[in-house]
Amino acid sequence: MSYLILFAAVFFLSTSVLFVKWTSAPAETAAFYRMLITCLMLLPFVDFKSLLGTRLMTRYALLLSGTLLAFHFWLWFLSLDYTTVASSTLFVTSSPIFVLIGNALIFKKNPTRKGLAFALIAVLGGMLVAAGDIQLGREALFGDLLALIAALLIAGYWLVGQHVRTEMNTNTYSFSVYLVATVVLCFMLLVRGTTFTAFESVNWWYFLALAFFPTILGHNLFNYALARVSATVVSITILGEALWGMLFGYVFFEERLGVMQWIGAAVLLGGIYLFLKEDARSTRTDVSS
């Protein structure tokens, strides 16, 4: 059931690229309202008694997690102003590489050799998916760099989350990190002098859609899954966002698909499937031993 939830979450998470591309508001403004509206949606479902009773270290972890998420959203939204949908989603979904490194170096959770091989296959597939759209221009390369940094930040978010999420229910954990992200982004708007309201009114609908579809039905489902599977499994599944990004780019933004991209899509999905299968096998082995 956890894996089914993950795959459903991938689709909803992937819709964010549509609303981000359609909005004419600055990147940090869109990110701020995405987090703010999401917090308001989750407010009735928060267990404040449990939240106030959290340990001091947990609170520090929530602050770190929310800050990482805020900068992730800002940099990824900004990257879409410079590079293609396919290229941006490729780099931002390269987070499994950083999660694998983080789990190995910090938490000493080394994957099996097969698991590592399948993860690398999935990453290779993601690279092939967007290879045809990676531009060599200076602006495109800058956008790719922003998306890559965003991937590093979201990897940190998953790594912190996998150790905090088990202490809190999904809605309370999500509300906590989203609230921190909202405050960080608000501060960013004030420091940078970015507008809070000077944009077309249609953008409010895009902000609402960003809060509900990719956040409530995307990130929130991933937060739910974090208590049941490892951060590596969650992040490797998110590689499916590269496939959806390719399809959305083709349908809505006239980004053409090449043979290499179709081959990459098959390799990507195959790598994800094999990785999840290996993870389930190794987990059963650990439990039985």
C-alpha atoms as a PDB file:
ATOM      1  CA  MET A   1       0.000   0.000   0.000  1.00  0.00           C
ATOM      2  CA  SER A   2       2.859   2.416   0.797  1.00  0.00           C
ATOM      3  CA  TYR A   3       4.273   1.995  -2.702  1.00  0.00           C
ATOM      4  CA  LEU A   4       0.867   2.667  -4.280  1.00  0.00           C
ATOM      5  CA  ILE A   5       0.636   5.867  -2.247  1.00  0.00           C
ATOM      6  CA  LEU A   6       4.101   6.857  -3.445  1.00  0.00           C
ATOM      7  CA  PHE A   7       3.245   6.420  -7.101  1.00  0.00           C
ATOM      8  CA  ALA A   8      -0.011   8.379  -6.701  1.00  0.00           C
ATOM      9  CA  ALA A   9       1.925  11.135  -4.938  1.00  0.00           C
ATOM     10  CA  VAL A  10       4.393  11.338  -7.845  1.00  0.00           C
ATOM     11  CA  PHE A  11       1.639  12.297 -10.275  1.00  0.00           C
ATOM     12  CA  PHE A  12       0.181  15.014  -8.051  1.00  0.00           C
ATOM     13  CA  LEU A  13       3.641  16.316  -7.197  1.00  0.00           C
ATOM     14  CA  SER A  14       4.469  16.540 -10.887  1.00  0.00           C
ATOM     15  CA  THR A  15       1.544  18.885 -11.587  1.00  0.00           C
ATOM     16  CA  SER A  16       3.406  21.669  -9.774  1.00  0.00           C
ATOM     17  CA  VAL A  17       5.439  22.376 -12.900  1.00  0.00           C
ATOM     18  CA  LEU A  18       2.247  23.338 -14.750  1.00  0.00           C
ATOM     19  CA  PHE A  19       1.109  25.925 -12.231  1.00  0.00           C
ATOM     20  CA  VAL A  20       4.615  27.311 -11.717  1.00  0.00           C
ATOM     21  CA  LYS A  21       5.086  27.786 -15.460  1.00  0.00           C
ATOM     22  CA  TRP A  22       1.657  29.390 -15.843  1.00  0.00           C
ATOM     23  CA  THR A  23       2.007  31.858 -12.991  1.00  0.00           C
ATOM     24  CA  SER A  24       3.435  35.294 -13.755  1.00  0.00           C
ATOM     25  CA  ALA A  25       4.302  36.036 -10.112  1.00  0.00           C
ATOM     26  CA  PRO A  26       7.951  36.028  -8.936  1.00  0.00           C
ATOM     27  CA  ALA A  27       9.324  32.634  -7.896  1.00  0.00           C
ATOM     28  CA  GLU A  28       9.584  33.453  -4.188  1.00  0.00           C
ATOM     29  CA  THR A  29       6.069  34.945  -4.167  1.00  0.00           C
ATOM     30  CA  ALA A  30       4.575  31.795  -5.693  1.00  0.00           C
ATOM     31  CA  ALA A  31       6.514  29.628  -3.237  1.00  0.00           C
ATOM     32  CA  PHE A  32       5.368  31.764  -0.287  1.00  0.00           C
ATOM     33  CA  TYR A  33       1.675  31.553  -1.134  1.00  0.00           C
ATOM     34  CA  ARG A  34       1.945  27.854  -1.888  1.00  0.00           C
ATOM     35  CA  MET A  35       3.187  27.251   1.646  1.00  0.00           C
ATOM     36  CA  LEU A  36       0.847  29.758   3.314  1.00  0.00           C
ATOM     37  CA  ILE A  37      -2.319  28.402   1.689  1.00  0.00           C
ATOM     38  CA  THR A  38      -1.252  24.838   2.444  1.00  0.00           C
ATOM     39  CA  CYS A  39      -0.807  25.729   6.127  1.00  0.00           C
ATOM     40  CA  LEU A  40      -4.329  27.175   6.204  1.00  0.00           C
ATOM     41  CA  MET A  41      -5.697  23.989   4.603  1.00  0.00           C
ATOM     42  CA  LEU A  42      -3.989  21.791   7.184  1.00  0.00           C
ATOM     43  CA  LEU A  43      -4.804  23.970  10.204  1.00  0.00           C
ATOM     44  CA  PRO A  44      -7.999  22.096  11.259  1.00  0.00           C
ATOM     45  CA  PHE A  45      -6.129  18.756  11.250  1.00  0.00           C
ATOM     46  CA  VAL A  46      -3.119  19.716  13.379  1.00  0.00           C
ATOM     47  CA  ASP A  47      -2.567  18.115  16.778  1.00  0.00           C
ATOM     48  CA  PHE A  48      -1.229  21.183  18.588  1.00  0.00           C
ATOM     49  CA  LYS A  49      -0.956  19.353  21.900  1.00  0.00           C
ATOM     50  CA  SER A  50       1.405  16.851  20.325  1.00  0.00           C
ATOM     51  CA  LEU A  51       3.306  19.608  18.523  1.00  0.00           C
ATOM     52  CA  LEU A  52       3.886  21.622  21.703  1.00  0.00           C
ATOM     53  CA  GLY A  53       5.083  18.476  23.456  1.00  0.00           C
ATOM     54  CA  THR A  54       7.846  17.695  20.973  1.00  0.00           C
ATOM     55  CA  ARG A  55      11.444  17.420  22.141  1.00  0.00           C
ATOM     56  CA  LEU A  56      13.829  20.348  21.672  1.00  0.00           C
ATOM     57  CA  MET A  57      15.928  18.421  19.137  1.00  0.00           C
ATOM     58  CA  THR A  58      12.776  17.632  17.160  1.00  0.00           C
ATOM     59  CA  ARG A  59      11.933  21.327  17.022  1.00  0.00           C
ATOM     60  CA  TYR A  60      15.400  22.123  15.715  1.00  0.00           C
ATOM     61  CA  ALA A  61      14.977  19.405  13.098  1.00  0.00           C
ATOM     62  CA  LEU A  62      11.634  20.894  12.035  1.00  0.00           C
ATOM     63  CA  LEU A  63      13.265  24.319  11.671  1.00  0.00           C
ATOM     64  CA  LEU A  64      16.022  22.830   9.524  1.00  0.00           C
ATOM     65  CA  SER A  65      13.604  20.782   7.436  1.00  0.00           C
ATOM     66  CA  GLY A  66      11.281  23.725   6.766  1.00  0.00           C
ATOM     67  CA  THR A  67      14.176  26.003   5.845  1.00  0.00           C
ATOM     68  CA  LEU A  68      15.538  23.458   3.378  1.00  0.00           C
ATOM     69  CA  LEU A  69      12.084  23.099   1.836  1.00  0.00           C
ATOM     70  CA  ALA A  70      11.651  26.873   1.479  1.00  0.00           C
ATOM     71  CA  PHE A  71      14.913  27.321  -0.424  1.00  0.00           C
ATOM     72  CA  HIS A  72      14.185  24.205  -2.479  1.00  0.00           C
ATOM     73  CA  PHE A  73      10.910  25.658  -3.723  1.00  0.00           C
ATOM     74  CA  TRP A  74      12.382  29.068  -4.403  1.00  0.00           C
ATOM     75  CA  LEU A  75      15.349  27.792  -6.421  1.00  0.00           C
ATOM     76  CA  TRP A  76      13.329  25.218  -8.348  1.00  0.00           C
ATOM     77  CA  PHE A  77      10.598  27.739  -9.244  1.00  0.00           C
ATOM     78  CA  LEU A  78      13.331  30.122 -10.349  1.00  0.00           C
ATOM     79  CA  SER A  79      15.038  27.465 -12.479  1.00  0.00           C
ATOM     80  CA  LEU A  80      11.914  27.127 -14.619  1.00  0.00           C
ATOM     81  CA  ASP A  81      12.426  30.727 -15.763  1.00  0.00           C
ATOM     82  CA  TYR A  82      15.742  29.772 -17.337  1.00  0.00           C
ATOM     83  CA  THR A  83      15.604  26.194 -18.586  1.00  0.00           C
ATOM     84  CA  THR A  84      13.111  23.700 -20.017  1.00  0.00           C
ATOM     85  CA  VAL A  85      10.585  21.717 -18.007  1.00  0.00           C
ATOM     86  CA  ALA A  86      12.339  18.450 -18.863  1.00  0.00           C
ATOM     87  CA  SER A  87      15.790  19.739 -17.910  1.00  0.00           C
ATOM     88  CA  SER A  88      14.592  21.295 -14.672  1.00  0.00           C
ATOM     89  CA  THR A  89      12.702  18.200 -13.539  1.00  0.00           C
ATOM     90  CA  LEU A  90      15.690  16.049 -14.453  1.00  0.00           C
ATOM     91  CA  PHE A  91      18.054  17.912 -12.174  1.00  0.00           C
ATOM     92  CA  VAL A  92      15.600  18.503  -9.351  1.00  0.00           C
ATOM     93  CA  THR A  93      14.727  14.810  -9.251  1.00  0.00           C
ATOM     94  CA  SER A  94      18.385  13.802  -9.018  1.00  0.00           C
ATOM     95  CA  SER A  95      17.937  13.950  -5.227  1.00  0.00           C
ATOM     96  CA  PRO A  96      18.341  10.135  -4.823  1.00  0.00           C
ATOM     97  CA  ILE A  97      22.045  10.575  -5.482  1.00  0.00           C
ATOM     98  CA  PHE A  98      22.346  12.953  -2.539  1.00  0.00           C
ATOM     99  CA  VAL A  99      20.035  10.863  -0.341  1.00  0.00           C
ATOM    100  CA  LEU A 100      22.131   7.759  -0.990  1.00  0.00           C
ATOM    101  CA  ILE A 101      25.298   9.695  -0.089  1.00  0.00           C
ATOM    102  CA  GLY A 102      23.683  11.241   2.980  1.00  0.00           C
ATOM    103  CA  ASN A 103      22.307   7.965   4.295  1.00  0.00           C
ATOM    104  CA  ALA A 104      25.675   6.282   3.788  1.00  0.00           C
ATOM    105  CA  LEU A 105      27.867   9.031   5.275  1.00  0.00           C
ATOM    106  CA  ILE A 106      25.638  10.330   8.072  1.00  0.00           C
ATOM    107  CA  PHE A 107      23.386   7.450   9.065  1.00  0.00           C
ATOM    108  CA  LYS A 108      25.588   4.539   7.914  1.00  0.00           C
ATOM    109  CA  LYS A 109      22.716   3.041   5.911  1.00  0.00           C
ATOM    110  CA  ASN A 110      24.476   1.555   2.935  1.00  0.00           C
ATOM    111  CA  PRO A 111      22.256   0.171   0.165  1.00  0.00           C
ATOM    112  CA  THR A 112      22.810  -3.314  -1.223  1.00  0.00           C
ATOM    113  CA  ARG A 113      24.938  -3.517  -4.340  1.00  0.00           C
ATOM    114  CA  LYS A 114      21.880  -4.407  -6.392  1.00  0.00           C
ATOM    115  CA  GLY A 115      19.914  -1.538  -4.876  1.00  0.00           C
ATOM    116  CA  LEU A 116      22.693   0.917  -5.675  1.00  0.00           C
ATOM    117  CA  ALA A 117      22.958  -0.406  -9.225  1.00  0.00           C
ATOM    118  CA  PHE A 118      19.203  -0.064  -9.795  1.00  0.00           C
ATOM    119  CA  ALA A 119      19.239   3.461  -8.329  1.00  0.00           C
ATOM    120  CA  LEU A 120      22.003   4.436 -10.742  1.00  0.00           C
ATOM    121  CA  ILE A 121      20.049   2.899 -13.623  1.00  0.00           C
ATOM    122  CA  ALA A 122      17.035   5.028 -12.672  1.00  0.00           C
ATOM    123  CA  VAL A 123      19.207   8.144 -12.513  1.00  0.00           C
ATOM    124  CA  LEU A 124      20.660   7.277 -15.919  1.00  0.00           C
ATOM    125  CA  GLY A 125      17.137   6.936 -17.278  1.00  0.00           C
ATOM    126  CA  GLY A 126      16.255  10.352 -15.923  1.00  0.00           C
ATOM    127  CA  MET A 127      19.319  11.807 -17.619  1.00  0.00           C
ATOM    128  CA  LEU A 128      18.330  10.272 -20.945  1.00  0.00           C
ATOM    129  CA  VAL A 129      14.781  11.594 -20.592  1.00  0.00           C
ATOM    130  CA  ALA A 130      15.924  15.192 -20.540  1.00  0.00           C
ATOM    131  CA  ALA A 131      19.153  14.903 -22.522  1.00  0.00           C
ATOM    132  CA  GLY A 132      17.479  16.126 -25.690  1.00  0.00           C
ATOM    133  CA  ASP A 133      16.241  19.268 -23.942  1.00  0.00           C
ATOM    134  CA  ILE A 134      19.400  20.297 -22.103  1.00  0.00           C
ATOM    135  CA  GLN A 135      20.529  23.494 -23.763  1.00  0.00           C
ATOM    136  CA  LEU A 136      24.086  24.723 -23.844  1.00  0.00           C
ATOM    137  CA  GLY A 137      23.257  28.405 -23.487  1.00  0.00           C
ATOM    138  CA  ARG A 138      24.347  30.355 -20.417  1.00  0.00           C
ATOM    139  CA  GLU A 139      20.794  30.918 -19.142  1.00  0.00           C
ATOM    140  CA  ALA A 140      19.863  27.259 -19.523  1.00  0.00           C
ATOM    141  CA  LEU A 141      22.993  26.171 -17.690  1.00  0.00           C
ATOM    142  CA  PHE A 142      22.185  28.626 -14.891  1.00  0.00           C
ATOM    143  CA  GLY A 143      18.676  27.134 -14.652  1.00  0.00           C
ATOM    144  CA  ASP A 144      20.140  23.628 -14.546  1.00  0.00           C
ATOM    145  CA  LEU A 145      22.458  24.670 -11.714  1.00  0.00           C
ATOM    146  CA  LEU A 146      19.551  26.139  -9.725  1.00  0.00           C
ATOM    147  CA  ALA A 147      17.563  22.917 -10.152  1.00  0.00           C
ATOM    148  CA  LEU A 148      20.571  20.829  -9.093  1.00  0.00           C
ATOM    149  CA  ILE A 149      20.983  22.883  -5.902  1.00  0.00           C
ATOM    150  CA  ALA A 150      17.238  22.499  -5.322  1.00  0.00           C
ATOM    151  CA  ALA A 151      17.728  18.729  -5.571  1.00  0.00           C
ATOM    152  CA  LEU A 152      20.436  18.854  -2.903  1.00  0.00           C
ATOM    153  CA  LEU A 153      18.114  20.829  -0.622  1.00  0.00           C
ATOM    154  CA  ILE A 154      15.155  18.475  -1.044  1.00  0.00           C
ATOM    155  CA  ALA A 155      17.455  15.529  -0.340  1.00  0.00           C
ATOM    156  CA  GLY A 156      18.335  17.155   2.970  1.00  0.00           C
ATOM    157  CA  TYR A 157      14.638  17.673   3.616  1.00  0.00           C
ATOM    158  CA  TRP A 158      13.935  13.952   3.103  1.00  0.00           C
ATOM    159  CA  LEU A 159      16.893  12.902   5.245  1.00  0.00           C
ATOM    160  CA  VAL A 160      15.817  15.071   8.166  1.00  0.00           C
ATOM    161  CA  GLY A 161      12.187  14.126   7.685  1.00  0.00           C
ATOM    162  CA  GLN A 162      12.715  10.383   7.888  1.00  0.00           C
ATOM    163  CA  HIS A 163      13.956  10.778  11.487  1.00  0.00           C
ATOM    164  CA  VAL A 164      11.359  13.326  12.607  1.00  0.00           C
ATOM    165  CA  ARG A 165       8.293  12.076  10.801  1.00  0.00           C
ATOM    166  CA  THR A 166       7.989   8.932  12.961  1.00  0.00           C
ATOM    167  CA  GLU A 167       7.440  11.091  16.077  1.00  0.00           C
ATOM    168  CA  MET A 168       4.453  13.010  14.672  1.00  0.00           C
ATOM    169  CA  ASN A 169       1.345  12.307  12.603  1.00  0.00           C
ATOM    170  CA  THR A 170       1.392  13.311   8.946  1.00  0.00           C
ATOM    171  CA  ASN A 171      -0.673  16.491   9.131  1.00  0.00           C
ATOM    172  CA  THR A 172       1.112  17.842  12.197  1.00  0.00           C
ATOM    173  CA  TYR A 173       4.552  17.180  10.724  1.00  0.00           C
ATOM    174  CA  SER A 174       3.587  18.659   7.354  1.00  0.00           C
ATOM    175  CA  PHE A 175       2.022  21.744   8.942  1.00  0.00           C
ATOM    176  CA  SER A 176       5.143  22.301  11.029  1.00  0.00           C
ATOM    177  CA  VAL A 177       7.628  22.249   8.162  1.00  0.00           C
ATOM    178  CA  TYR A 178       5.306  24.194   5.857  1.00  0.00           C
ATOM    179  CA  LEU A 179       4.854  26.871   8.515  1.00  0.00           C
ATOM    180  CA  VAL A 180       8.625  27.228   8.900  1.00  0.00           C
ATOM    181  CA  ALA A 181       8.950  27.412   5.104  1.00  0.00           C
ATOM    182  CA  THR A 182       6.228  30.100   4.995  1.00  0.00           C
ATOM    183  CA  VAL A 183       8.066  32.243   7.552  1.00  0.00           C
ATOM    184  CA  VAL A 184      11.408  31.819   5.764  1.00  0.00           C
ATOM    185  CA  LEU A 185       9.886  32.747   2.395  1.00  0.00           C
ATOM    186  CA  CYS A 186       8.065  35.733   3.920  1.00  0.00           C
ATOM    187  CA  PHE A 187      11.359  36.983   5.311  1.00  0.00           C
ATOM    188  CA  MET A 188      12.937  36.439   1.893  1.00  0.00           C
ATOM    189  CA  LEU A 189      10.225  38.546   0.220  1.00  0.00           C
ATOM    190  CA  LEU A 190      10.798  41.382   2.686  1.00  0.00           C
ATOM    191  CA  VAL A 191      14.599  41.303   2.349  1.00  0.00           C
ATOM    192  CA  ARG A 192      14.528  41.131  -1.454  1.00  0.00           C
ATOM    193  CA  GLY A 193      11.729  43.697  -1.730  1.00  0.00           C
ATOM    194  CA  THR A 194       9.614  41.307  -3.799  1.00  0.00           C
ATOM    195  CA  THR A 195       5.926  42.057  -4.187  1.00  0.00           C
ATOM    196  CA  PHE A 196       3.266  40.297  -2.143  1.00  0.00           C
ATOM    197  CA  THR A 197       0.291  41.392  -4.279  1.00  0.00           C
ATOM    198  CA  ALA A 198       1.373  43.152  -7.484  1.00  0.00           C
ATOM    199  CA  PHE A 199       0.456  40.423  -9.971  1.00  0.00           C
ATOM    200  CA  GLU A 200      -2.506  39.374 -12.107  1.00  0.00           C
ATOM    201  CA  SER A 201      -5.491  38.065 -10.151  1.00  0.00           C
ATOM    202  CA  VAL A 202      -5.474  34.750 -12.050  1.00  0.00           C
ATOM    203  CA  ASN A 203      -2.315  33.856 -10.112  1.00  0.00           C
ATOM    204  CA  TRP A 204      -4.373  33.329  -6.960  1.00  0.00           C
ATOM    205  CA  TRP A 205      -5.936  30.298  -8.637  1.00  0.00           C
ATOM    206  CA  TYR A 206      -2.493  28.958  -9.492  1.00  0.00           C
ATOM    207  CA  PHE A 207      -1.368  29.441  -5.870  1.00  0.00           C
ATOM    208  CA  LEU A 208      -4.460  27.573  -4.659  1.00  0.00           C
ATOM    209  CA  ALA A 209      -3.805  24.749  -7.134  1.00  0.00           C
ATOM    210  CA  LEU A 210      -0.151  24.582  -6.046  1.00  0.00           C
ATOM    211  CA  ALA A 211      -1.225  24.223  -2.434  1.00  0.00           C
ATOM    212  CA  PHE A 212      -3.813  21.526  -3.033  1.00  0.00           C
ATOM    213  CA  PHE A 213      -2.566  19.242  -5.807  1.00  0.00           C
ATOM    214  CA  PRO A 214       1.244  18.968  -5.601  1.00  0.00           C
ATOM    215  CA  THR A 215       1.462  19.824  -1.886  1.00  0.00           C
ATOM    216  CA  ILE A 216      -1.534  18.313  -0.066  1.00  0.00           C
ATOM    217  CA  LEU A 217      -1.879  15.402  -2.483  1.00  0.00           C
ATOM    218  CA  GLY A 218       1.827  15.239  -3.361  1.00  0.00           C
ATOM    219  CA  HIS A 219       4.229  16.229  -0.583  1.00  0.00           C
ATOM    220  CA  ASN A 220       1.755  15.347   2.149  1.00  0.00           C
ATOM    221  CA  LEU A 221       1.419  11.795   0.819  1.00  0.00           C
ATOM    222  CA  PHE A 222       5.210  11.554   0.697  1.00  0.00           C
ATOM    223  CA  ASN A 223       5.387  12.699   4.310  1.00  0.00           C
ATOM    224  CA  TYR A 224       2.886   9.960   5.149  1.00  0.00           C
ATOM    225  CA  ALA A 225       5.074   7.421   3.349  1.00  0.00           C
ATOM    226  CA  LEU A 226       8.242   8.611   5.146  1.00  0.00           C
ATOM    227  CA  ALA A 227       7.034   6.914   8.323  1.00  0.00           C
ATOM    228  CA  ARG A 228       6.723   3.606   6.452  1.00  0.00           C
ATOM    229  CA  VAL A 229       9.599   3.474   3.954  1.00  0.00           C
ATOM    230  CA  SER A 230      13.094   4.944   3.831  1.00  0.00           C
ATOM    231  CA  ALA A 231      13.955   8.393   2.458  1.00  0.00           C
ATOM    232  CA  THR A 232      15.933   6.681  -0.311  1.00  0.00           C
ATOM    233  CA  VAL A 233      12.838   4.808  -1.509  1.00  0.00           C
ATOM    234  CA  VAL A 234      10.777   8.006  -1.401  1.00  0.00           C
ATOM    235  CA  SER A 235      13.354  10.003  -3.339  1.00  0.00           C
ATOM    236  CA  ILE A 236      13.993   7.299  -5.953  1.00  0.00           C
ATOM    237  CA  THR A 237      10.246   7.161  -6.630  1.00  0.00           C
ATOM    238  CA  ILE A 238      10.218  10.922  -7.165  1.00  0.00           C
ATOM    239  CA  LEU A 239      12.377  10.297 -10.231  1.00  0.00           C
ATOM    240  CA  GLY A 240       9.053   9.531 -11.904  1.00  0.00           C
ATOM    241  CA  GLU A 241       8.494  13.288 -11.840  1.00  0.00           C
ATOM    242  CA  ALA A 242      11.038  13.545 -14.676  1.00  0.00           C
ATOM    243  CA  LEU A 243       8.776  11.391 -16.850  1.00  0.00           C
ATOM    244  CA  TRP A 244       5.675  13.413 -16.034  1.00  0.00           C
ATOM    245  CA  GLY A 245       7.655  16.599 -16.619  1.00  0.00           C
ATOM    246  CA  MET A 246       8.589  15.362 -20.070  1.00  0.00           C
ATOM    247  CA  LEU A 247       4.977  14.557 -20.913  1.00  0.00           C
ATOM    248  CA  PHE A 248       3.642  17.823 -19.512  1.00  0.00           C
ATOM    249  CA  GLY A 249       6.334  19.722 -21.387  1.00  0.00           C
ATOM    250  CA  TYR A 250       5.232  18.068 -24.621  1.00  0.00           C
ATOM    251  CA  VAL A 251       1.484  18.538 -24.152  1.00  0.00           C
ATOM    252  CA  PHE A 252       1.357  22.010 -22.598  1.00  0.00           C
ATOM    253  CA  PHE A 253       4.589  23.730 -23.613  1.00  0.00           C
ATOM    254  CA  GLU A 254       5.358  22.133 -27.008  1.00  0.00           C
ATOM    255  CA  GLU A 255       8.626  20.556 -25.904  1.00  0.00           C
ATOM    256  CA  ARG A 256       9.279  17.804 -28.427  1.00  0.00           C
ATOM    257  CA  LEU A 257      10.043  14.221 -27.482  1.00  0.00           C
ATOM    258  CA  GLY A 258      12.910  12.331 -29.051  1.00  0.00           C
ATOM    259  CA  VAL A 259      13.746   8.642 -29.295  1.00  0.00           C
ATOM    260  CA  MET A 260      16.376   9.001 -26.565  1.00  0.00           C
ATOM    261  CA  GLN A 261      13.759  10.454 -24.213  1.00  0.00           C
ATOM    262  CA  TRP A 262      11.365   7.556 -24.748  1.00  0.00           C
ATOM    263  CA  ILE A 263      14.196   5.098 -24.128  1.00  0.00           C
ATOM    264  CA  GLY A 264      15.133   7.080 -21.021  1.00  0.00           C
ATOM    265  CA  ALA A 265      11.557   6.928 -19.759  1.00  0.00           C
ATOM    266  CA  ALA A 266      11.589   3.136 -20.008  1.00  0.00           C
ATOM    267  CA  VAL A 267      14.967   2.915 -18.252  1.00  0.00           C
ATOM    268  CA  LEU A 268      13.792   5.331 -15.562  1.00  0.00           C
ATOM    269  CA  LEU A 269      10.635   3.421 -14.719  1.00  0.00           C
ATOM    270  CA  GLY A 270      12.469   0.100 -14.913  1.00  0.00           C
ATOM    271  CA  GLY A 271      15.132   1.331 -12.504  1.00  0.00           C
ATOM    272  CA  ILE A 272      12.527   2.600 -10.050  1.00  0.00           C
ATOM    273  CA  TYR A 273      10.638  -0.691 -10.144  1.00  0.00           C
ATOM    274  CA  LEU A 274      13.759  -2.797  -9.658  1.00  0.00           C
ATOM    275  CA  PHE A 275      15.035  -0.577  -6.848  1.00  0.00           C
ATOM    276  CA  LEU A 276      11.750  -0.789  -4.946  1.00  0.00           C
ATOM    277  CA  LYS A 277      11.655  -4.537  -5.442  1.00  0.00           C
ATOM    278  CA  GLU A 278      15.226  -4.908  -4.133  1.00  0.00           C
ATOM    279  CA  ASP A 279      14.497  -2.620  -1.176  1.00  0.00           C
ATOM    280  CA  ALA A 280      11.471  -4.716  -0.225  1.00  0.00           C
ATOM    281  CA  ARG A 281      13.565  -7.898  -0.494  1.00  0.00           C
ATOM    282  CA  SER A 282      16.435  -6.547   1.623  1.00  0.00           C
ATOM    283  CA  THR A 283      13.971  -5.223   4.228  1.00  0.00           C
ATOM    284  CA  ARG A 284      12.352  -8.639   4.577  1.00  0.00           C
ATOM    285  CA  THR A 285      15.811 -10.213   4.913  1.00  0.00           C
ATOM    286  CA  ASP A 286      16.811  -7.779   7.680  1.00  0.00           C
ATOM    287  CA  VAL A 287      13.579  -8.400   9.592  1.00  0.00           C
ATOM    288  CA  SER A 288      13.858 -12.191   9.347  1.00  0.00           C
ATOM    289  CA  SER A 289      17.478 -12.162  10.492  1.00  0.00           C
END
